[in-house]
């Protein structure tokens, strides 16, 4: 019996071993450890430090990014609170969520000689940030801190903004202004060439520091066309544009194209059409002037056209929307659209 069991067990063992499938041996390939890229650690660039002179803090770095149409910046002297028992620190100064108050630059003439200009602008209820004299020296008078409001614009508007004292810098230029002849025409006095160089240098400095766009470098007559004429048609806006890259001007080929189109039609017949008048008023308004849409060549519209001509068509400032003035307006609207 024992022999029988032994033989059965041995047979089972042999069968079991013989029926086991042969294993496929895999070649060992060592793994190459994968290198994970290091996560870039974002570091905030170190901000320039606040400097202190005679107890006044200054931050003289403009952190604006003009490529992003962003005038966020901190520049100049810093006015800070002094709470009793506490210390105000500038460890994290400046925050990027800020911008300049100074969004416009407005040019005026005083209609007074040098000495009276100084007296009026410093002793009466009117002022400007700067006064450009006509005494032949290299001095420009600062009358108001750029961070403060000067009383130079009065009731004013441009595009979507009103009361431009709040957000502008005003420059007064000593100039006699104009006299009216027997026919009622305004005859303006010219500016001195050396004085204009002063104005240009000052304007260039201000628009660069505050990144004031070309559309916001304006005449007092632009922002208050029904009541102001300064700085008048003899102020060299094109010179500022050509030589200093400041302010607005149209492209001559574009203007010429619009002019040719206008004269190829019966422009004079269109002139008396209320629909055309409404179109012109709408376009003047679109460009920036504050003007009601009356559909008539009313006094406000004529004065607005006159102001437009002071700035962009100074050879003829009769307040009439002729073909050339119309073509210049179209060229400017194309070049400087409202954003």
C-alpha atoms as a PDB file:
ATOM      1  CA  UNK A   1       0.000   0.000   0.000  1.00  0.00           C
ATOM      2  CA  UNK A   2       2.772   2.361   0.949  1.00  0.00           C
ATOM      3  CA  UNK A   3       4.529   1.549  -2.362  1.00  0.00           C
ATOM      4  CA  UNK A   4       1.358   2.311  -4.259  1.00  0.00           C
ATOM      5  CA  UNK A   5       0.966   5.720  -2.577  1.00  0.00           C
ATOM      6  CA  UNK A   6       4.625   6.497  -3.175  1.00  0.00           C
ATOM      7  CA  UNK A   7       4.335   5.724  -6.911  1.00  0.00           C
ATOM      8  CA  UNK A   8       1.166   7.864  -7.250  1.00  0.00           C
ATOM      9  CA  UNK A   9       2.797  10.790  -5.476  1.00  0.00           C
ATOM     10  CA  UNK A  10       5.942  10.542  -7.579  1.00  0.00           C
ATOM     11  CA  UNK A  11       3.860  10.418 -10.764  1.00  0.00           C
ATOM     12  CA  UNK A  12       1.933  13.536  -9.694  1.00  0.00           C
ATOM     13  CA  UNK A  13       5.152  15.426  -8.994  1.00  0.00           C
ATOM     14  CA  UNK A  14       6.614  14.471 -12.381  1.00  0.00           C
ATOM     15  CA  UNK A  15       3.404  15.520 -14.151  1.00  0.00           C
ATOM     16  CA  UNK A  16       3.279  18.803 -12.288  1.00  0.00           C
ATOM     17  CA  UNK A  17       6.853  19.751 -13.106  1.00  0.00           C
ATOM     18  CA  UNK A  18       6.534  18.682 -16.735  1.00  0.00           C
ATOM     19  CA  UNK A  19       3.392  20.729 -17.340  1.00  0.00           C
ATOM     20  CA  UNK A  20       4.798  24.074 -16.047  1.00  0.00           C
ATOM     21  CA  UNK A  21       5.303  26.421 -19.028  1.00  0.00           C
ATOM     22  CA  UNK A  22       8.711  27.732 -19.662  1.00  0.00           C
ATOM     23  CA  UNK A  23       9.083  31.398 -18.514  1.00  0.00           C
ATOM     24  CA  UNK A  24      10.194  34.047 -21.030  1.00  0.00           C
ATOM     25  CA  UNK A  25      13.130  35.765 -19.476  1.00  0.00           C
ATOM     26  CA  UNK A  26      13.156  39.564 -20.110  1.00  0.00           C
ATOM     27  CA  UNK A  27      16.388  41.408 -20.662  1.00  0.00           C
ATOM     28  CA  UNK A  28      17.035  43.832 -17.840  1.00  0.00           C
ATOM     29  CA  UNK A  29      17.181  47.402 -19.025  1.00  0.00           C
ATOM     30  CA  UNK A  30      18.097  49.874 -16.336  1.00  0.00           C
ATOM     31  CA  UNK A  31      15.770  52.864 -16.127  1.00  0.00           C
ATOM     32  CA  UNK A  32      17.102  56.285 -16.875  1.00  0.00           C
ATOM     33  CA  UNK A  33      15.875  58.521 -14.112  1.00  0.00           C
ATOM     34  CA  UNK A  34      13.684  61.327 -15.518  1.00  0.00           C
ATOM     35  CA  UNK A  35      14.756  64.816 -14.576  1.00  0.00           C
ATOM     36  CA  UNK A  36      11.795  66.978 -13.666  1.00  0.00           C
ATOM     37  CA  UNK A  37      12.163  70.614 -14.776  1.00  0.00           C
ATOM     38  CA  UNK A  38      12.437  72.954 -11.882  1.00  0.00           C
ATOM     39  CA  UNK A  39       9.450  75.185 -11.384  1.00  0.00           C
ATOM     40  CA  UNK A  40      10.471  78.740 -12.079  1.00  0.00           C
ATOM     41  CA  UNK A  41      10.130  80.835  -8.994  1.00  0.00           C
ATOM     42  CA  UNK A  42       8.589  84.162  -9.773  1.00  0.00           C
ATOM     43  CA  UNK A  43      10.583  86.914  -8.225  1.00  0.00           C
ATOM     44  CA  UNK A  44       9.377  90.445  -7.942  1.00  0.00           C
ATOM     45  CA  UNK A  45      12.055  92.779  -9.231  1.00  0.00           C
ATOM     46  CA  UNK A  46      13.433  94.938  -6.498  1.00  0.00           C
ATOM     47  CA  UNK A  47      11.933  98.394  -6.620  1.00  0.00           C
ATOM     48  CA  UNK A  48      14.158 101.430  -6.529  1.00  0.00           C
ATOM     49  CA  UNK A  49      14.326 102.896  -3.075  1.00  0.00           C
ATOM     50  CA  UNK A  50      12.713 106.027  -1.821  1.00  0.00           C
ATOM     51  CA  UNK A  51      15.271 108.771  -1.289  1.00  0.00           C
ATOM     52  CA  UNK A  52      15.092 111.461   1.353  1.00  0.00           C
ATOM     53  CA  UNK A  53      16.415 114.980   1.097  1.00  0.00           C
ATOM     54  CA  UNK A  54      15.985 117.572   3.850  1.00  0.00           C
ATOM     55  CA  UNK A  55      13.194 115.550   5.415  1.00  0.00           C
ATOM     56  CA  UNK A  56      11.240 115.144   2.157  1.00  0.00           C
ATOM     57  CA  UNK A  57      10.762 111.721   0.547  1.00  0.00           C
ATOM     58  CA  UNK A  58      11.225 111.346  -3.202  1.00  0.00           C
ATOM     59  CA  UNK A  59      10.617 108.530  -5.658  1.00  0.00           C
ATOM     60  CA  UNK A  60      12.171 109.553  -8.944  1.00  0.00           C
ATOM     61  CA  UNK A  61      11.436 106.473 -11.059  1.00  0.00           C
ATOM     62  CA  UNK A  62       8.582 106.297 -13.530  1.00  0.00           C
ATOM     63  CA  UNK A  63       7.191 102.749 -13.394  1.00  0.00           C
ATOM     64  CA  UNK A  64       4.613 103.268 -16.136  1.00  0.00           C
ATOM     65  CA  UNK A  65       4.461 100.933 -19.138  1.00  0.00           C
ATOM     66  CA  UNK A  66       3.485 102.973 -22.181  1.00  0.00           C
ATOM     67  CA  UNK A  67       3.432  99.842 -24.378  1.00  0.00           C
ATOM     68  CA  UNK A  68       0.343  98.749 -22.447  1.00  0.00           C
ATOM     69  CA  UNK A  69      -1.282 102.165 -22.660  1.00  0.00           C
ATOM     70  CA  UNK A  70      -0.792 102.283 -18.916  1.00  0.00           C
ATOM     71  CA  UNK A  71       0.257 105.465 -17.209  1.00  0.00           C
ATOM     72  CA  UNK A  72       0.562 103.845 -13.795  1.00  0.00           C
ATOM     73  CA  UNK A  73       3.441 105.596 -12.155  1.00  0.00           C
ATOM     74  CA  UNK A  74       4.934 107.133  -9.091  1.00  0.00           C
ATOM     75  CA  UNK A  75       7.338 109.961  -9.643  1.00  0.00           C
ATOM     76  CA  UNK A  76       8.488 112.926  -7.596  1.00  0.00           C
ATOM     77  CA  UNK A  77       8.014 114.073  -4.039  1.00  0.00           C
ATOM     78  CA  UNK A  78       5.784 112.020  -1.755  1.00  0.00           C
ATOM     79  CA  UNK A  79       3.196 113.566   0.536  1.00  0.00           C
ATOM     80  CA  UNK A  80       2.517 111.277   3.500  1.00  0.00           C
ATOM     81  CA  UNK A  81       0.323 111.213   6.588  1.00  0.00           C
ATOM     82  CA  UNK A  82       1.851 111.718  10.024  1.00  0.00           C
ATOM     83  CA  UNK A  83      -0.554 109.992  12.424  1.00  0.00           C
ATOM     84  CA  UNK A  84       0.165 110.786  16.085  1.00  0.00           C
ATOM     85  CA  UNK A  85       1.892 107.899  17.844  1.00  0.00           C
ATOM     86  CA  UNK A  86       2.496 105.885  14.661  1.00  0.00           C
ATOM     87  CA  UNK A  87       5.115 105.610  11.944  1.00  0.00           C
ATOM     88  CA  UNK A  88       4.234 105.529   8.252  1.00  0.00           C
ATOM     89  CA  UNK A  89       6.790 103.374   6.395  1.00  0.00           C
ATOM     90  CA  UNK A  90       7.344 102.969   2.667  1.00  0.00           C
ATOM     91  CA  UNK A  91       8.562  99.358   2.722  1.00  0.00           C
ATOM     92  CA  UNK A  92       6.178  98.365  -0.071  1.00  0.00           C
ATOM     93  CA  UNK A  93       6.001 101.665  -1.936  1.00  0.00           C
ATOM     94  CA  UNK A  94       4.824 102.126  -4.645  1.00  0.00           C
ATOM     95  CA  UNK A  95       1.775 100.038  -5.518  1.00  0.00           C
ATOM     96  CA  UNK A  96       1.240  99.657  -9.252  1.00  0.00           C
ATOM     97  CA  UNK A  97      -2.507 100.389  -9.071  1.00  0.00           C
ATOM     98  CA  UNK A  98      -2.259 104.142  -9.423  1.00  0.00           C
ATOM     99  CA  UNK A  99      -1.961 106.733 -12.129  1.00  0.00           C
ATOM    100  CA  UNK A 100      -1.185 110.349 -12.736  1.00  0.00           C
ATOM    101  CA  UNK A 101      -3.652 113.126 -12.112  1.00  0.00           C
ATOM    102  CA  UNK A 102      -1.956 114.928 -15.000  1.00  0.00           C
ATOM    103  CA  UNK A 103      -3.698 113.601 -18.125  1.00  0.00           C
ATOM    104  CA  UNK A 104      -3.914 116.808 -20.184  1.00  0.00           C
ATOM    105  CA  UNK A 105      -1.626 119.661 -21.122  1.00  0.00           C
ATOM    106  CA  UNK A 106      -3.382 122.930 -21.947  1.00  0.00           C
ATOM    107  CA  UNK A 107      -1.678 125.901 -23.628  1.00  0.00           C
ATOM    108  CA  UNK A 108      -2.792 129.508 -23.164  1.00  0.00           C
ATOM    109  CA  UNK A 109      -1.634 133.034 -23.825  1.00  0.00           C
ATOM    110  CA  UNK A 110      -1.899 135.725 -21.154  1.00  0.00           C
ATOM    111  CA  UNK A 111      -3.022 138.681 -23.355  1.00  0.00           C
ATOM    112  CA  UNK A 112      -0.847 140.763 -21.020  1.00  0.00           C
ATOM    113  CA  UNK A 113       2.791 141.914 -20.881  1.00  0.00           C
ATOM    114  CA  UNK A 114       5.324 140.080 -18.716  1.00  0.00           C
ATOM    115  CA  UNK A 115       4.998 142.032 -15.465  1.00  0.00           C
ATOM    116  CA  UNK A 116       1.200 142.092 -15.454  1.00  0.00           C
ATOM    117  CA  UNK A 117       1.097 138.407 -16.393  1.00  0.00           C
ATOM    118  CA  UNK A 118       3.090 137.558 -13.264  1.00  0.00           C
ATOM    119  CA  UNK A 119       0.897 139.734 -11.041  1.00  0.00           C
ATOM    120  CA  UNK A 120      -2.395 138.393 -12.327  1.00  0.00           C
ATOM    121  CA  UNK A 121      -1.331 134.729 -12.267  1.00  0.00           C
ATOM    122  CA  UNK A 122       0.105 134.885  -8.761  1.00  0.00           C
ATOM    123  CA  UNK A 123      -2.144 137.376  -6.975  1.00  0.00           C
ATOM    124  CA  UNK A 124      -5.606 136.863  -8.442  1.00  0.00           C
ATOM    125  CA  UNK A 125      -8.122 134.026  -8.740  1.00  0.00           C
ATOM    126  CA  UNK A 126      -6.495 132.586 -11.862  1.00  0.00           C
ATOM    127  CA  UNK A 127      -3.241 130.661 -12.163  1.00  0.00           C
ATOM    128  CA  UNK A 128      -1.217 128.207 -14.201  1.00  0.00           C
ATOM    129  CA  UNK A 129       1.460 125.698 -13.373  1.00  0.00           C
ATOM    130  CA  UNK A 130       3.992 127.491 -15.591  1.00  0.00           C
ATOM    131  CA  UNK A 131       4.421 130.909 -17.139  1.00  0.00           C
ATOM    132  CA  UNK A 132       6.711 131.272 -20.158  1.00  0.00           C
ATOM    133  CA  UNK A 133       7.965 134.854 -20.250  1.00  0.00           C
ATOM    134  CA  UNK A 134       9.137 136.850 -23.231  1.00  0.00           C
ATOM    135  CA  UNK A 135      12.138 138.569 -21.674  1.00  0.00           C
ATOM    136  CA  UNK A 136      14.823 136.813 -23.703  1.00  0.00           C
ATOM    137  CA  UNK A 137      16.335 134.803 -20.832  1.00  0.00           C
ATOM    138  CA  UNK A 138      16.354 131.061 -20.223  1.00  0.00           C
ATOM    139  CA  UNK A 139      13.937 131.114 -17.282  1.00  0.00           C
ATOM    140  CA  UNK A 140      10.482 129.559 -17.054  1.00  0.00           C
ATOM    141  CA  UNK A 141       8.397 130.525 -14.021  1.00  0.00           C
ATOM    142  CA  UNK A 142       6.719 127.760 -12.040  1.00  0.00           C
ATOM    143  CA  UNK A 143       3.687 129.107 -10.210  1.00  0.00           C
ATOM    144  CA  UNK A 144       1.837 125.981  -9.016  1.00  0.00           C
ATOM    145  CA  UNK A 145       3.028 122.523  -7.931  1.00  0.00           C
ATOM    146  CA  UNK A 146       2.296 120.015 -10.723  1.00  0.00           C
ATOM    147  CA  UNK A 147       0.505 117.825  -8.186  1.00  0.00           C
ATOM    148  CA  UNK A 148      -1.930 120.627  -7.366  1.00  0.00           C
ATOM    149  CA  UNK A 149      -4.830 122.055  -9.384  1.00  0.00           C
ATOM    150  CA  UNK A 150      -4.180 125.374 -11.054  1.00  0.00           C
ATOM    151  CA  UNK A 151      -7.123 127.585 -12.050  1.00  0.00           C
ATOM    152  CA  UNK A 152      -6.460 127.889 -15.763  1.00  0.00           C
ATOM    153  CA  UNK A 153      -9.063 125.876 -17.710  1.00  0.00           C
ATOM    154  CA  UNK A 154     -12.354 127.015 -16.191  1.00  0.00           C
ATOM    155  CA  UNK A 155     -15.529 125.526 -17.663  1.00  0.00           C
ATOM    156  CA  UNK A 156     -14.026 123.049 -20.104  1.00  0.00           C
ATOM    157  CA  UNK A 157     -14.479 119.686 -21.781  1.00  0.00           C
ATOM    158  CA  UNK A 158     -12.722 117.312 -24.163  1.00  0.00           C
ATOM    159  CA  UNK A 159     -14.076 113.963 -25.299  1.00  0.00           C
ATOM    160  CA  UNK A 160     -15.361 112.270 -22.145  1.00  0.00           C
ATOM    161  CA  UNK A 161     -13.758 114.598 -19.614  1.00  0.00           C
ATOM    162  CA  UNK A 162     -15.014 117.847 -18.115  1.00  0.00           C
ATOM    163  CA  UNK A 163     -13.616 120.443 -15.714  1.00  0.00           C
ATOM    164  CA  UNK A 164     -10.075 119.896 -16.922  1.00  0.00           C
ATOM    165  CA  UNK A 165      -8.499 121.808 -14.043  1.00  0.00           C
ATOM    166  CA  UNK A 166      -8.847 118.494 -12.218  1.00  0.00           C
ATOM    167  CA  UNK A 167      -6.568 116.521 -14.505  1.00  0.00           C
ATOM    168  CA  UNK A 168      -4.374 118.926 -16.464  1.00  0.00           C
ATOM    169  CA  UNK A 169      -1.252 121.035 -16.382  1.00  0.00           C
ATOM    170  CA  UNK A 170      -1.638 124.571 -17.633  1.00  0.00           C
ATOM    171  CA  UNK A 171       1.041 126.614 -19.394  1.00  0.00           C
ATOM    172  CA  UNK A 172       0.537 130.340 -19.887  1.00  0.00           C
ATOM    173  CA  UNK A 173       2.588 132.086 -22.578  1.00  0.00           C
ATOM    174  CA  UNK A 174       3.156 135.828 -22.440  1.00  0.00           C
ATOM    175  CA  UNK A 175       1.547 137.210 -25.593  1.00  0.00           C
ATOM    176  CA  UNK A 176      -0.633 140.204 -26.370  1.00  0.00           C
ATOM    177  CA  UNK A 177      -3.377 138.090 -27.908  1.00  0.00           C
ATOM    178  CA  UNK A 178      -5.340 139.821 -30.663  1.00  0.00           C
ATOM    179  CA  UNK A 179      -7.032 143.026 -31.714  1.00  0.00           C
ATOM    180  CA  UNK A 180     -10.230 143.226 -33.742  1.00  0.00           C
ATOM    181  CA  UNK A 181     -10.233 145.322 -36.910  1.00  0.00           C
ATOM    182  CA  UNK A 182     -13.119 147.340 -38.361  1.00  0.00           C
ATOM    183  CA  UNK A 183     -14.497 144.301 -40.165  1.00  0.00           C
ATOM    184  CA  UNK A 184     -14.622 142.293 -36.947  1.00  0.00           C
ATOM    185  CA  UNK A 185     -11.722 140.015 -37.831  1.00  0.00           C
ATOM    186  CA  UNK A 186      -9.363 139.021 -35.033  1.00  0.00           C
ATOM    187  CA  UNK A 187      -5.729 139.846 -35.817  1.00  0.00           C
ATOM    188  CA  UNK A 188      -3.356 137.902 -33.601  1.00  0.00           C
ATOM    189  CA  UNK A 189       0.132 138.851 -32.440  1.00  0.00           C
ATOM    190  CA  UNK A 190       3.037 136.530 -33.287  1.00  0.00           C
ATOM    191  CA  UNK A 191       5.116 134.602 -30.761  1.00  0.00           C
ATOM    192  CA  UNK A 192       8.820 135.166 -30.293  1.00  0.00           C
ATOM    193  CA  UNK A 193      10.927 132.316 -31.712  1.00  0.00           C
ATOM    194  CA  UNK A 194      13.087 131.985 -28.586  1.00  0.00           C
ATOM    195  CA  UNK A 195       9.955 131.911 -26.451  1.00  0.00           C
ATOM    196  CA  UNK A 196       8.510 129.089 -28.551  1.00  0.00           C
ATOM    197  CA  UNK A 197      11.678 127.057 -27.990  1.00  0.00           C
ATOM    198  CA  UNK A 198      11.093 127.436 -24.248  1.00  0.00           C
ATOM    199  CA  UNK A 199       7.502 126.297 -24.625  1.00  0.00           C
ATOM    200  CA  UNK A 200       8.501 123.321 -26.760  1.00  0.00           C
ATOM    201  CA  UNK A 201      11.158 122.140 -24.301  1.00  0.00           C
ATOM    202  CA  UNK A 202       8.739 122.497 -21.382  1.00  0.00           C
ATOM    203  CA  UNK A 203       5.911 120.706 -23.176  1.00  0.00           C
ATOM    204  CA  UNK A 204       8.206 117.878 -24.272  1.00  0.00           C
ATOM    205  CA  UNK A 205       9.402 117.339 -20.710  1.00  0.00           C
ATOM    206  CA  UNK A 206       5.889 117.262 -19.269  1.00  0.00           C
ATOM    207  CA  UNK A 207       4.291 114.953 -21.854  1.00  0.00           C
ATOM    208  CA  UNK A 208       7.242 112.561 -21.562  1.00  0.00           C
ATOM    209  CA  UNK A 209       7.122 112.319 -17.771  1.00  0.00           C
ATOM    210  CA  UNK A 210       3.356 111.919 -17.591  1.00  0.00           C
ATOM    211  CA  UNK A 211       2.946 110.044 -20.876  1.00  0.00           C
ATOM    212  CA  UNK A 212       0.269 112.471 -22.011  1.00  0.00           C
ATOM    213  CA  UNK A 213      -1.088 111.273 -25.381  1.00  0.00           C
ATOM    214  CA  UNK A 214      -1.088 113.488 -28.457  1.00  0.00           C
ATOM    215  CA  UNK A 215      -4.873 113.854 -28.302  1.00  0.00           C
ATOM    216  CA  UNK A 216      -4.586 115.474 -24.868  1.00  0.00           C
ATOM    217  CA  UNK A 217      -2.162 118.268 -25.774  1.00  0.00           C
ATOM    218  CA  UNK A 218      -4.633 121.045 -26.447  1.00  0.00           C
ATOM    219  CA  UNK A 219      -5.321 124.736 -26.757  1.00  0.00           C
ATOM    220  CA  UNK A 220      -7.551 126.560 -24.323  1.00  0.00           C
ATOM    221  CA  UNK A 221      -9.742 127.241 -27.370  1.00  0.00           C
ATOM    222  CA  UNK A 222     -10.088 123.482 -27.949  1.00  0.00           C
ATOM    223  CA  UNK A 223     -11.532 122.810 -24.509  1.00  0.00           C
ATOM    224  CA  UNK A 224     -13.620 126.017 -24.336  1.00  0.00           C
ATOM    225  CA  UNK A 225     -14.284 126.964 -27.977  1.00  0.00           C
ATOM    226  CA  UNK A 226     -17.275 129.242 -27.414  1.00  0.00           C
ATOM    227  CA  UNK A 227     -15.427 131.587 -25.061  1.00  0.00           C
ATOM    228  CA  UNK A 228     -11.649 131.305 -25.617  1.00  0.00           C
ATOM    229  CA  UNK A 229      -9.233 131.906 -28.512  1.00  0.00           C
ATOM    230  CA  UNK A 230      -5.827 131.243 -26.928  1.00  0.00           C
ATOM    231  CA  UNK A 231      -3.145 130.509 -27.875  1.00  0.00           C
ATOM    232  CA  UNK A 232      -4.558 131.437 -31.290  1.00  0.00           C
ATOM    233  CA  UNK A 233      -3.738 130.607 -34.911  1.00  0.00           C
ATOM    234  CA  UNK A 234      -0.144 131.884 -34.767  1.00  0.00           C
ATOM    235  CA  UNK A 235       0.901 129.326 -32.196  1.00  0.00           C
ATOM    236  CA  UNK A 236       3.061 126.811 -34.153  1.00  0.00           C
ATOM    237  CA  UNK A 237       1.313 123.502 -33.483  1.00  0.00           C
ATOM    238  CA  UNK A 238       2.812 121.916 -36.583  1.00  0.00           C
ATOM    239  CA  UNK A 239       6.320 122.886 -35.457  1.00  0.00           C
ATOM    240  CA  UNK A 240       5.753 121.138 -32.135  1.00  0.00           C
ATOM    241  CA  UNK A 241       4.535 118.068 -33.994  1.00  0.00           C
ATOM    242  CA  UNK A 242       7.320 118.010 -36.603  1.00  0.00           C
ATOM    243  CA  UNK A 243      10.317 118.973 -34.473  1.00  0.00           C
ATOM    244  CA  UNK A 244       9.361 117.788 -30.964  1.00  0.00           C
ATOM    245  CA  UNK A 245       6.913 114.929 -31.678  1.00  0.00           C
ATOM    246  CA  UNK A 246       4.302 116.591 -29.486  1.00  0.00           C
ATOM    247  CA  UNK A 247       0.582 116.965 -30.090  1.00  0.00           C
ATOM    248  CA  UNK A 248      -1.659 116.133 -33.042  1.00  0.00           C
ATOM    249  CA  UNK A 249      -1.358 116.793 -36.752  1.00  0.00           C
ATOM    250  CA  UNK A 250      -2.878 115.211 -39.830  1.00  0.00           C
ATOM    251  CA  UNK A 251      -1.179 113.282 -42.640  1.00  0.00           C
ATOM    252  CA  UNK A 252      -1.144 115.400 -45.798  1.00  0.00           C
ATOM    253  CA  UNK A 253      -1.855 112.541 -48.291  1.00  0.00           C
ATOM    254  CA  UNK A 254      -4.864 111.411 -46.259  1.00  0.00           C
ATOM    255  CA  UNK A 255      -6.170 114.965 -46.029  1.00  0.00           C
ATOM    256  CA  UNK A 256      -5.651 115.437 -49.776  1.00  0.00           C
ATOM    257  CA  UNK A 257      -7.652 112.316 -50.510  1.00  0.00           C
ATOM    258  CA  UNK A 258     -10.599 113.575 -48.484  1.00  0.00           C
ATOM    259  CA  UNK A 259     -10.272 117.011 -50.093  1.00  0.00           C
ATOM    260  CA  UNK A 260     -10.357 115.594 -53.617  1.00  0.00           C
ATOM    261  CA  UNK A 261     -13.434 113.575 -52.710  1.00  0.00           C
ATOM    262  CA  UNK A 262     -15.163 116.633 -51.242  1.00  0.00           C
ATOM    263  CA  UNK A 263     -14.555 118.927 -54.213  1.00  0.00           C
ATOM    264  CA  UNK A 264     -15.589 116.215 -56.678  1.00  0.00           C
ATOM    265  CA  UNK A 265     -19.110 116.541 -55.277  1.00  0.00           C
ATOM    266  CA  UNK A 266     -21.192 119.691 -54.975  1.00  0.00           C
ATOM    267  CA  UNK A 267     -19.812 120.608 -51.560  1.00  0.00           C
ATOM    268  CA  UNK A 268     -21.593 123.976 -51.537  1.00  0.00           C
ATOM    269  CA  UNK A 269     -24.962 122.303 -52.051  1.00  0.00           C
ATOM    270  CA  UNK A 270     -24.279 119.927 -49.173  1.00  0.00           C
ATOM    271  CA  UNK A 271     -23.270 122.855 -46.964  1.00  0.00           C
ATOM    272  CA  UNK A 272     -26.860 124.066 -46.548  1.00  0.00           C
ATOM    273  CA  UNK A 273     -28.296 120.587 -45.994  1.00  0.00           C
ATOM    274  CA  UNK A 274     -29.342 120.135 -42.313  1.00  0.00           C
ATOM    275  CA  UNK A 275     -28.298 116.475 -42.505  1.00  0.00           C
ATOM    276  CA  UNK A 276     -24.782 117.499 -43.540  1.00  0.00           C
ATOM    277  CA  UNK A 277     -24.633 120.098 -40.767  1.00  0.00           C
ATOM    278  CA  UNK A 278     -25.637 117.425 -38.266  1.00  0.00           C
ATOM    279  CA  UNK A 279     -22.925 115.142 -39.644  1.00  0.00           C
ATOM    280  CA  UNK A 280     -20.274 117.835 -39.221  1.00  0.00           C
ATOM    281  CA  UNK A 281     -21.410 118.583 -35.670  1.00  0.00           C
ATOM    282  CA  UNK A 282     -21.337 114.882 -34.839  1.00  0.00           C
ATOM    283  CA  UNK A 283     -17.807 114.549 -36.225  1.00  0.00           C
ATOM    284  CA  UNK A 284     -16.536 117.588 -34.320  1.00  0.00           C
ATOM    285  CA  UNK A 285     -18.060 116.090 -31.200  1.00  0.00           C
ATOM    286  CA  UNK A 286     -16.543 112.703 -31.988  1.00  0.00           C
ATOM    287  CA  UNK A 287     -13.106 114.250 -32.405  1.00  0.00           C
ATOM    288  CA  UNK A 288     -13.332 115.871 -28.978  1.00  0.00           C
ATOM    289  CA  UNK A 289     -15.179 119.193 -28.978  1.00  0.00           C
ATOM    290  CA  UNK A 290     -18.121 119.749 -26.649  1.00  0.00           C
ATOM    291  CA  UNK A 291     -20.883 120.724 -29.064  1.00  0.00           C
ATOM    292  CA  UNK A 292     -24.651 120.330 -29.134  1.00  0.00           C
ATOM    293  CA  UNK A 293     -26.168 118.762 -32.241  1.00  0.00           C
ATOM    294  CA  UNK A 294     -28.504 121.482 -33.476  1.00  0.00           C
ATOM    295  CA  UNK A 295     -28.466 120.794 -37.217  1.00  0.00           C
ATOM    296  CA  UNK A 296     -27.788 124.502 -37.782  1.00  0.00           C
ATOM    297  CA  UNK A 297     -24.744 126.640 -38.379  1.00  0.00           C
ATOM    298  CA  UNK A 298     -25.365 128.338 -35.051  1.00  0.00           C
ATOM    299  CA  UNK A 299     -22.947 130.561 -33.150  1.00  0.00           C
ATOM    300  CA  UNK A 300     -21.576 127.708 -31.022  1.00  0.00           C
ATOM    301  CA  UNK A 301     -20.858 125.595 -34.104  1.00  0.00           C
ATOM    302  CA  UNK A 302     -19.135 128.463 -35.928  1.00  0.00           C
ATOM    303  CA  UNK A 303     -16.963 129.214 -32.892  1.00  0.00           C
ATOM    304  CA  UNK A 304     -16.072 125.531 -32.576  1.00  0.00           C
ATOM    305  CA  UNK A 305     -15.057 125.392 -36.248  1.00  0.00           C
ATOM    306  CA  UNK A 306     -13.037 128.570 -35.684  1.00  0.00           C
ATOM    307  CA  UNK A 307     -11.245 126.947 -32.729  1.00  0.00           C
ATOM    308  CA  UNK A 308     -10.560 123.876 -34.849  1.00  0.00           C
ATOM    309  CA  UNK A 309      -9.081 126.112 -37.550  1.00  0.00           C
ATOM    310  CA  UNK A 310      -6.893 127.968 -35.014  1.00  0.00           C
ATOM    311  CA  UNK A 311      -5.270 124.637 -34.228  1.00  0.00           C
ATOM    312  CA  UNK A 312      -5.247 122.771 -37.546  1.00  0.00           C
ATOM    313  CA  UNK A 313      -5.977 125.242 -40.357  1.00  0.00           C
ATOM    314  CA  UNK A 314      -4.514 128.586 -39.198  1.00  0.00           C
ATOM    315  CA  UNK A 315      -4.310 130.106 -42.692  1.00  0.00           C
ATOM    316  CA  UNK A 316      -8.050 130.748 -42.602  1.00  0.00           C
ATOM    317  CA  UNK A 317     -10.026 130.847 -39.356  1.00  0.00           C
ATOM    318  CA  UNK A 318     -13.358 132.237 -40.501  1.00  0.00           C
ATOM    319  CA  UNK A 319     -15.486 129.592 -38.769  1.00  0.00           C
ATOM    320  CA  UNK A 320     -16.778 128.198 -42.069  1.00  0.00           C
ATOM    321  CA  UNK A 321     -16.635 124.453 -42.711  1.00  0.00           C
ATOM    322  CA  UNK A 322     -15.191 124.590 -46.233  1.00  0.00           C
ATOM    323  CA  UNK A 323     -13.864 121.601 -48.154  1.00  0.00           C
ATOM    324  CA  UNK A 324     -10.304 121.901 -46.803  1.00  0.00           C
ATOM    325  CA  UNK A 325     -11.368 122.226 -43.163  1.00  0.00           C
ATOM    326  CA  UNK A 326     -13.712 119.277 -43.680  1.00  0.00           C
ATOM    327  CA  UNK A 327     -10.923 117.166 -45.204  1.00  0.00           C
ATOM    328  CA  UNK A 328      -8.570 117.989 -42.305  1.00  0.00           C
ATOM    329  CA  UNK A 329     -11.244 116.957 -39.816  1.00  0.00           C
ATOM    330  CA  UNK A 330     -11.746 113.609 -41.590  1.00  0.00           C
ATOM    331  CA  UNK A 331      -7.980 112.958 -41.683  1.00  0.00           C
ATOM    332  CA  UNK A 332      -7.653 113.690 -37.955  1.00  0.00           C
ATOM    333  CA  UNK A 333     -10.596 111.475 -37.015  1.00  0.00           C
ATOM    334  CA  UNK A 334      -9.004 108.645 -38.992  1.00  0.00           C
ATOM    335  CA  UNK A 335      -5.611 109.143 -37.346  1.00  0.00           C
ATOM    336  CA  UNK A 336      -6.803 109.714 -33.775  1.00  0.00           C
ATOM    337  CA  UNK A 337      -9.933 107.595 -33.208  1.00  0.00           C
ATOM    338  CA  UNK A 338     -11.630 107.612 -29.835  1.00  0.00           C
ATOM    339  CA  UNK A 339     -10.535 104.490 -27.964  1.00  0.00           C
END
